[in-house]
Amino acid sequence: MSLSLTRRGGCEQSLLQAILQARPARLVYVSCNPATLAKDCETLLRGGYQIEWVQPVNMFPQMTHVECVILMEWRGEPK
């Protein structure tokens, strides 16, 4: 049996822009790819959010794949 992991591209820019317009007080972001999570966080951080905590979750102990859960909170005007 062969397993193949699909790489995810993160959020669409239109979704990130909608989040920045709506400015929810808190966001919980669950990601299966730390690289795309970092890319999307960069956009949200520039838009006025701050990372409050990050929790890696190893749902598949037999693999090197790790999920990431983060909490972001709105902190102010965009930079």
PDB file of N, CA and C in Angstrom:
ATOM      1  N   MET A   1       0.852  -1.180   0.000  1.00  0.00           N
ATOM      2  CA  MET A   1       0.000   0.000   0.000  1.00  0.00           C
ATOM      3  C   MET A   1       0.897   1.243   0.000  1.00  0.00           C
ATOM      4  N   SER A   2       0.527   2.224  -0.769  1.00  0.00           N
ATOM      5  CA  SER A   2       1.290   3.462  -0.886  1.00  0.00           C
ATOM      6  C   SER A   2       0.443   4.631  -0.419  1.00  0.00           C
ATOM      7  N   LEU A   3       1.025   5.495   0.406  1.00  0.00           N
ATOM      8  CA  LEU A   3       0.325   6.702   0.865  1.00  0.00           C
ATOM      9  C   LEU A   3       0.901   7.907   0.167  1.00  0.00           C
ATOM     10  N   SER A   4       0.039   8.797  -0.258  1.00  0.00           N
ATOM     11  CA  SER A   4       0.484  10.031  -0.899  1.00  0.00           C
ATOM     12  C   SER A   4      -0.189  11.205  -0.205  1.00  0.00           C
ATOM     13  N   LEU A   5       0.608  12.119   0.316  1.00  0.00           N
ATOM     14  CA  LEU A   5       0.056  13.316   0.953  1.00  0.00           C
ATOM     15  C   LEU A   5      -0.057  14.427  -0.066  1.00  0.00           C
ATOM     16  N   THR A   6      -1.208  15.040  -0.133  1.00  0.00           N
ATOM     17  CA  THR A   6      -1.428  16.171  -1.025  1.00  0.00           C
ATOM     18  C   THR A   6      -0.994  17.443  -0.314  1.00  0.00           C
ATOM     19  N   ARG A   7      -0.193  18.243  -0.969  1.00  0.00           N
ATOM     20  CA  ARG A   7       0.217  19.525  -0.393  1.00  0.00           C
ATOM     21  C   ARG A   7      -0.891  20.537  -0.614  1.00  0.00           C
ATOM     22  N   ARG A   8      -1.244  21.214   0.433  1.00  0.00           N
ATOM     23  CA  ARG A   8      -2.298  22.223   0.373  1.00  0.00           C
ATOM     24  C   ARG A   8      -1.677  23.586   0.138  1.00  0.00           C
ATOM     25  N   GLY A   9      -2.411  24.437  -0.531  1.00  0.00           N
ATOM     26  CA  GLY A   9      -1.896  25.759  -0.869  1.00  0.00           C
ATOM     27  C   GLY A   9      -2.243  26.849   0.118  1.00  0.00           C
ATOM     28  N   GLY A  10      -2.919  26.522   1.196  1.00  0.00           N
ATOM     29  CA  GLY A  10      -3.321  27.544   2.159  1.00  0.00           C
ATOM     30  C   GLY A  10      -4.611  28.212   1.733  1.00  0.00           C
ATOM     31  N   CYS A  11      -4.913  29.331   2.347  1.00  0.00           N
ATOM     32  CA  CYS A  11      -6.149  30.063   2.053  1.00  0.00           C
ATOM     33  C   CYS A  11      -6.015  30.842   0.746  1.00  0.00           C
ATOM     34  N   GLU A  12      -7.122  30.980   0.061  1.00  0.00           N
ATOM     35  CA  GLU A  12      -7.179  31.853  -1.106  1.00  0.00           C
ATOM     36  C   GLU A  12      -7.024  33.297  -0.612  1.00  0.00           C
ATOM     37  N   GLN A  13      -6.391  34.140  -1.413  1.00  0.00           N
ATOM     38  CA  GLN A  13      -6.221  35.547  -1.042  1.00  0.00           C
ATOM     39  C   GLN A  13      -7.567  36.234  -0.823  1.00  0.00           C
ATOM     40  N   SER A  14      -8.586  35.832  -1.569  1.00  0.00           N
ATOM     41  CA  SER A  14      -9.911  36.449  -1.390  1.00  0.00           C
ATOM     42  C   SER A  14     -10.473  36.138   0.000  1.00  0.00           C
ATOM     43  N   LEU A  15     -10.213  34.945   0.522  1.00  0.00           N
ATOM     44  CA  LEU A  15     -10.667  34.605   1.871  1.00  0.00           C
ATOM     45  C   LEU A  15      -9.906  35.421   2.911  1.00  0.00           C
ATOM     46  N   LEU A  16      -8.579  35.516   2.761  1.00  0.00           N
ATOM     47  CA  LEU A  16      -7.793  36.303   3.702  1.00  0.00           C
ATOM     48  C   LEU A  16      -8.239  37.763   3.711  1.00  0.00           C
ATOM     49  N   GLN A  17      -8.527  38.314   2.537  1.00  0.00           N
ATOM     50  CA  GLN A  17      -8.995  39.706   2.456  1.00  0.00           C
ATOM     51  C   GLN A  17     -10.372  39.861   3.102  1.00  0.00           C
ATOM     52  N   ALA A  18     -11.246  38.861   2.944  1.00  0.00           N
ATOM     53  CA  ALA A  18     -12.572  38.906   3.576  1.00  0.00           C
ATOM     54  C   ALA A  18     -12.434  38.865   5.099  1.00  0.00           C
ATOM     55  N   ILE A  19     -11.510  38.052   5.605  1.00  0.00           N
ATOM     56  CA  ILE A  19     -11.258  37.995   7.049  1.00  0.00           C
ATOM     57  C   ILE A  19     -10.769  39.353   7.543  1.00  0.00           C
ATOM     58  N   LEU A  20      -9.837  39.954   6.807  1.00  0.00           N
ATOM     59  CA  LEU A  20      -9.299  41.255   7.216  1.00  0.00           C
ATOM     60  C   LEU A  20     -10.365  42.341   7.183  1.00  0.00           C
ATOM     61  N   GLN A  21     -11.307  42.234   6.254  1.00  0.00           N
ATOM     62  CA  GLN A  21     -12.400  43.215   6.199  1.00  0.00           C
ATOM     63  C   GLN A  21     -13.381  43.010   7.347  1.00  0.00           C
ATOM     64  N   ALA A  22     -13.709  41.755   7.645  1.00  0.00           N
ATOM     65  CA  ALA A  22     -14.690  41.454   8.695  1.00  0.00           C
ATOM     66  C   ALA A  22     -14.109  41.672  10.097  1.00  0.00           C
ATOM     67  N   ARG A  23     -12.798  41.523  10.237  1.00  0.00           N
ATOM     68  CA  ARG A  23     -12.090  41.700  11.501  1.00  0.00           C
ATOM     69  C   ARG A  23     -12.716  40.948  12.674  1.00  0.00           C
ATOM     70  N   PRO A  24     -12.888  39.636  12.574  1.00  0.00           N
ATOM     71  CA  PRO A  24     -13.375  38.911  13.756  1.00  0.00           C
ATOM     72  C   PRO A  24     -12.363  39.048  14.890  1.00  0.00           C
ATOM     73  N   ALA A  25     -12.851  39.069  16.107  1.00  0.00           N
ATOM     74  CA  ALA A  25     -11.976  39.269  17.271  1.00  0.00           C
ATOM     75  C   ALA A  25     -10.975  38.128  17.429  1.00  0.00           C
ATOM     76  N   ARG A  26     -11.383  36.907  17.084  1.00  0.00           N
ATOM     77  CA  ARG A  26     -10.512  35.740  17.223  1.00  0.00           C
ATOM     78  C   ARG A  26     -10.630  34.840  16.003  1.00  0.00           C
ATOM     79  N   LEU A  27      -9.510  34.235  15.655  1.00  0.00           N
ATOM     80  CA  LEU A  27      -9.468  33.250  14.571  1.00  0.00           C
ATOM     81  C   LEU A  27      -8.792  31.998  15.090  1.00  0.00           C
ATOM     82  N   VAL A  28      -9.331  30.838  14.752  1.00  0.00           N
ATOM     83  CA  VAL A  28      -8.650  29.573  14.991  1.00  0.00           C
ATOM     84  C   VAL A  28      -8.356  29.007  13.613  1.00  0.00           C
ATOM     85  N   TYR A  29      -7.090  28.760  13.345  1.00  0.00           N
ATOM     86  CA  TYR A  29      -6.636  28.294  12.033  1.00  0.00           C
ATOM     87  C   TYR A  29      -6.021  26.918  12.229  1.00  0.00           C
ATOM     88  N   VAL A  30      -6.513  25.933  11.482  1.00  0.00           N
ATOM     89  CA  VAL A  30      -5.975  24.578  11.515  1.00  0.00           C
ATOM     90  C   VAL A  30      -5.335  24.323  10.165  1.00  0.00           C
ATOM     91  N   SER A  31      -4.074  23.897  10.186  1.00  0.00           N
ATOM     92  CA  SER A  31      -3.335  23.724   8.941  1.00  0.00           C
ATOM     93  C   SER A  31      -2.604  22.393   8.918  1.00  0.00           C
ATOM     94  N   CYS A  32      -2.545  21.811   7.732  1.00  0.00           N
ATOM     95  CA  CYS A  32      -1.783  20.573   7.543  1.00  0.00           C
ATOM     96  C   CYS A  32      -0.432  20.853   6.891  1.00  0.00           C
ATOM     97  N   ASN A  33      -0.108  22.141   6.689  1.00  0.00           N
ATOM     98  CA  ASN A  33       1.149  22.485   6.032  1.00  0.00           C
ATOM     99  C   ASN A  33       1.725  23.738   6.691  1.00  0.00           C
ATOM    100  N   PRO A  34       2.779  23.588   7.503  1.00  0.00           N
ATOM    101  CA  PRO A  34       3.357  24.747   8.195  1.00  0.00           C
ATOM    102  C   PRO A  34       3.827  25.852   7.254  1.00  0.00           C
ATOM    103  N   ALA A  35       4.281  25.516   6.046  1.00  0.00           N
ATOM    104  CA  ALA A  35       4.747  26.546   5.106  1.00  0.00           C
ATOM    105  C   ALA A  35       3.606  27.444   4.654  1.00  0.00           C
ATOM    106  N   THR A  36       2.459  26.861   4.316  1.00  0.00           N
ATOM    107  CA  THR A  36       1.330  27.694   3.893  1.00  0.00           C
ATOM    108  C   THR A  36       0.706  28.412   5.086  1.00  0.00           C
ATOM    109  N   LEU A  37       0.766  27.792   6.260  1.00  0.00           N
ATOM    110  CA  LEU A  37       0.301  28.466   7.469  1.00  0.00           C
ATOM    111  C   LEU A  37       1.121  29.731   7.697  1.00  0.00           C
ATOM    112  N   ALA A  38       2.433  29.631   7.569  1.00  0.00           N
ATOM    113  CA  ALA A  38       3.309  30.796   7.755  1.00  0.00           C
ATOM    114  C   ALA A  38       2.994  31.887   6.734  1.00  0.00           C
ATOM    115  N   LYS A  39       2.753  31.479   5.489  1.00  0.00           N
ATOM    116  CA  LYS A  39       2.429  32.445   4.423  1.00  0.00           C
ATOM    117  C   LYS A  39       1.128  33.176   4.748  1.00  0.00           C
ATOM    118  N   ASP A  40       0.109  32.433   5.145  1.00  0.00           N
ATOM    119  CA  ASP A  40      -1.180  33.052   5.464  1.00  0.00           C
ATOM    120  C   ASP A  40      -1.097  33.900   6.727  1.00  0.00           C
ATOM    121  N   CYS A  41      -0.332  33.433   7.719  1.00  0.00           N
ATOM    122  CA  CYS A  41      -0.157  34.217   8.953  1.00  0.00           C
ATOM    123  C   CYS A  41       0.518  35.547   8.669  1.00  0.00           C
ATOM    124  N   GLU A  42       1.456  35.552   7.751  1.00  0.00           N
ATOM    125  CA  GLU A  42       2.134  36.798   7.400  1.00  0.00           C
ATOM    126  C   GLU A  42       1.115  37.843   6.933  1.00  0.00           C
ATOM    127  N   THR A  43       0.188  37.434   6.093  1.00  0.00           N
ATOM    128  CA  THR A  43      -0.860  38.342   5.609  1.00  0.00           C
ATOM    129  C   THR A  43      -1.727  38.822   6.765  1.00  0.00           C
ATOM    130  N   LEU A  44      -2.130  37.904   7.638  1.00  0.00           N
ATOM    131  CA  LEU A  44      -3.006  38.266   8.750  1.00  0.00           C
ATOM    132  C   LEU A  44      -2.273  39.121   9.787  1.00  0.00           C
ATOM    133  N   LEU A  45      -0.999  38.849  10.028  1.00  0.00           N
ATOM    134  CA  LEU A  45      -0.218  39.667  10.959  1.00  0.00           C
ATOM    135  C   LEU A  45      -0.073  41.093  10.449  1.00  0.00           C
ATOM    136  N   ARG A  46       0.190  41.237   9.153  1.00  0.00           N
ATOM    137  CA  ARG A  46       0.276  42.580   8.566  1.00  0.00           C
ATOM    138  C   ARG A  46      -1.074  43.283   8.620  1.00  0.00           C
ATOM    139  N   GLY A  47      -2.148  42.501   8.655  1.00  0.00           N
ATOM    140  CA  GLY A  47      -3.489  43.076   8.681  1.00  0.00           C
ATOM    141  C   GLY A  47      -3.991  43.442  10.059  1.00  0.00           C
ATOM    142  N   GLY A  48      -3.187  43.222  11.108  1.00  0.00           N
ATOM    143  CA  GLY A  48      -3.592  43.646  12.446  1.00  0.00           C
ATOM    144  C   GLY A  48      -3.832  42.526  13.441  1.00  0.00           C
ATOM    145  N   TYR A  49      -3.610  41.285  13.048  1.00  0.00           N
ATOM    146  CA  TYR A  49      -3.786  40.159  13.971  1.00  0.00           C
ATOM    147  C   TYR A  49      -2.475  39.824  14.657  1.00  0.00           C
ATOM    148  N   GLN A  50      -2.591  39.152  15.806  1.00  0.00           N
ATOM    149  CA  GLN A  50      -1.428  38.697  16.569  1.00  0.00           C
ATOM    150  C   GLN A  50      -1.645  37.231  16.917  1.00  0.00           C
ATOM    151  N   ILE A  51      -0.587  36.435  16.862  1.00  0.00           N
ATOM    152  CA  ILE A  51      -0.677  35.029  17.234  1.00  0.00           C
ATOM    153  C   ILE A  51      -0.636  34.926  18.750  1.00  0.00           C
ATOM    154  N   GLU A  52      -1.642  34.266  19.320  1.00  0.00           N
ATOM    155  CA  GLU A  52      -1.717  34.089  20.771  1.00  0.00           C
ATOM    156  C   GLU A  52      -1.121  32.757  21.201  1.00  0.00           C
ATOM    157  N   TRP A  53      -1.393  31.698  20.464  1.00  0.00           N
ATOM    158  CA  TRP A  53      -0.764  30.409  20.752  1.00  0.00           C
ATOM    159  C   TRP A  53      -0.760  29.522  19.523  1.00  0.00           C
ATOM    160  N   VAL A  54       0.174  28.557  19.549  1.00  0.00           N
ATOM    161  CA  VAL A  54       0.326  27.572  18.471  1.00  0.00           C
ATOM    162  C   VAL A  54       0.420  26.201  19.128  1.00  0.00           C
ATOM    163  N   GLN A  55      -0.303  25.235  18.573  1.00  0.00           N
ATOM    164  CA  GLN A  55      -0.259  23.878  19.107  1.00  0.00           C
ATOM    165  C   GLN A  55      -0.073  22.878  17.973  1.00  0.00           C
ATOM    166  N   PRO A  56       1.077  22.203  17.904  1.00  0.00           N
ATOM    167  CA  PRO A  56       1.211  21.130  16.924  1.00  0.00           C
ATOM    168  C   PRO A  56       0.410  19.919  17.407  1.00  0.00           C
ATOM    169  N   VAL A  57      -0.178  19.189  16.478  1.00  0.00           N
ATOM    170  CA  VAL A  57      -0.969  18.007  16.802  1.00  0.00           C
ATOM    171  C   VAL A  57      -0.497  16.862  15.916  1.00  0.00           C
ATOM    172  N   ASN A  58      -0.004  15.801  16.526  1.00  0.00           N
ATOM    173  CA  ASN A  58       0.467  14.639  15.792  1.00  0.00           C
ATOM    174  C   ASN A  58      -0.672  13.624  15.706  1.00  0.00           C
ATOM    175  N   MET A  59      -1.483  13.726  14.668  1.00  0.00           N
ATOM    176  CA  MET A  59      -2.629  12.839  14.488  1.00  0.00           C
ATOM    177  C   MET A  59      -2.243  11.505  13.862  1.00  0.00           C
ATOM    178  N   PHE A  60      -1.065  11.444  13.260  1.00  0.00           N
ATOM    179  CA  PHE A  60      -0.618  10.246  12.567  1.00  0.00           C
ATOM    180  C   PHE A  60       0.777   9.884  13.077  1.00  0.00           C
ATOM    181  N   PRO A  61       0.888   9.253  14.257  1.00  0.00           N
ATOM    182  CA  PRO A  61       2.191   9.022  14.880  1.00  0.00           C
ATOM    183  C   PRO A  61       3.167   8.205  14.026  1.00  0.00           C
ATOM    184  N   GLN A  62       2.687   7.419  13.111  1.00  0.00           N
ATOM    185  CA  GLN A  62       3.563   6.606  12.280  1.00  0.00           C
ATOM    186  C   GLN A  62       4.139   7.395  11.100  1.00  0.00           C
ATOM    187  N   MET A  63       3.773   8.659  10.968  1.00  0.00           N
ATOM    188  CA  MET A  63       4.238   9.493   9.866  1.00  0.00           C
ATOM    189  C   MET A  63       4.892  10.765  10.409  1.00  0.00           C
ATOM    190  N   THR A  64       5.585  11.479   9.546  1.00  0.00           N
ATOM    191  CA  THR A  64       6.223  12.736   9.958  1.00  0.00           C
ATOM    192  C   THR A  64       5.271  13.929   9.846  1.00  0.00           C
ATOM    193  N   HIS A  65       4.071  13.714   9.384  1.00  0.00           N
ATOM    194  CA  HIS A  65       3.080  14.764   9.166  1.00  0.00           C
ATOM    195  C   HIS A  65       2.541  15.277  10.503  1.00  0.00           C
ATOM    196  N   VAL A  66       2.500  16.604  10.677  1.00  0.00           N
ATOM    197  CA  VAL A  66       1.981  17.225  11.896  1.00  0.00           C
ATOM    198  C   VAL A  66       0.986  18.315  11.511  1.00  0.00           C
ATOM    199  N   GLU A  67      -0.159  18.323  12.160  1.00  0.00           N
ATOM    200  CA  GLU A  67      -1.139  19.399  11.987  1.00  0.00           C
ATOM    201  C   GLU A  67      -0.745  20.543  12.925  1.00  0.00           C
ATOM    202  N   CYS A  68      -1.137  21.765  12.591  1.00  0.00           N
ATOM    203  CA  CYS A  68      -0.899  22.923  13.458  1.00  0.00           C
ATOM    204  C   CYS A  68      -2.219  23.638  13.704  1.00  0.00           C
ATOM    205  N   VAL A  69      -2.445  24.016  14.947  1.00  0.00           N
ATOM    206  CA  VAL A  69      -3.623  24.793  15.325  1.00  0.00           C
ATOM    207  C   VAL A  69      -3.116  26.083  15.954  1.00  0.00           C
ATOM    208  N   ILE A  70      -3.612  27.216  15.475  1.00  0.00           N
ATOM    209  CA  ILE A  70      -3.196  28.495  16.058  1.00  0.00           C
ATOM    210  C   ILE A  70      -4.422  29.329  16.420  1.00  0.00           C
ATOM    211  N   LEU A  71      -4.232  30.175  17.405  1.00  0.00           N
ATOM    212  CA  LEU A  71      -5.250  31.155  17.787  1.00  0.00           C
ATOM    213  C   LEU A  71      -4.663  32.523  17.463  1.00  0.00           C
ATOM    214  N   MET A  72      -5.407  33.316  16.710  1.00  0.00           N
ATOM    215  CA  MET A  72      -5.014  34.695  16.413  1.00  0.00           C
ATOM    216  C   MET A  72      -6.093  35.622  16.948  1.00  0.00           C
ATOM    217  N   GLU A  73      -5.656  36.788  17.448  1.00  0.00           N
ATOM    218  CA  GLU A  73      -6.605  37.791  17.939  1.00  0.00           C
ATOM    219  C   GLU A  73      -6.334  39.131  17.263  1.00  0.00           C
ATOM    220  N   TRP A  74      -7.398  39.862  17.017  1.00  0.00           N
ATOM    221  CA  TRP A  74      -7.317  41.183  16.422  1.00  0.00           C
ATOM    222  C   TRP A  74      -6.674  42.131  17.431  1.00  0.00           C
ATOM    223  N   ARG A  75      -5.646  42.864  17.018  1.00  0.00           N
ATOM    224  CA  ARG A  75      -4.917  43.757  17.924  1.00  0.00           C
ATOM    225  C   ARG A  75      -4.870  45.205  17.467  1.00  0.00           C
ATOM    226  N   GLY A  76      -5.259  45.489  16.269  1.00  0.00           N
ATOM    227  CA  GLY A  76      -5.204  46.884  15.872  1.00  0.00           C
ATOM    228  C   GLY A  76      -5.191  47.089  14.391  1.00  0.00           C
ATOM    229  N   GLU A  77      -4.939  48.299  14.020  1.00  0.00           N
ATOM    230  CA  GLU A  77      -4.968  48.683  12.615  1.00  0.00           C
ATOM    231  C   GLU A  77      -3.898  47.967  11.815  1.00  0.00           C
ATOM    232  N   PRO A  78      -4.174  47.755  10.531  1.00  0.00           N
ATOM    233  CA  PRO A  78      -3.193  47.099   9.657  1.00  0.00           C
ATOM    234  C   PRO A  78      -1.888  47.880   9.589  1.00  0.00           C
ATOM    235  N   LYS A  79      -0.816  47.140   9.352  1.00  0.00           N
ATOM    236  CA  LYS A  79       0.513  47.753   9.253  1.00  0.00           C
ATOM    237  C   LYS A  79       0.871  48.013   7.820  1.00  0.00           C
TER     238      LYS A  79
END
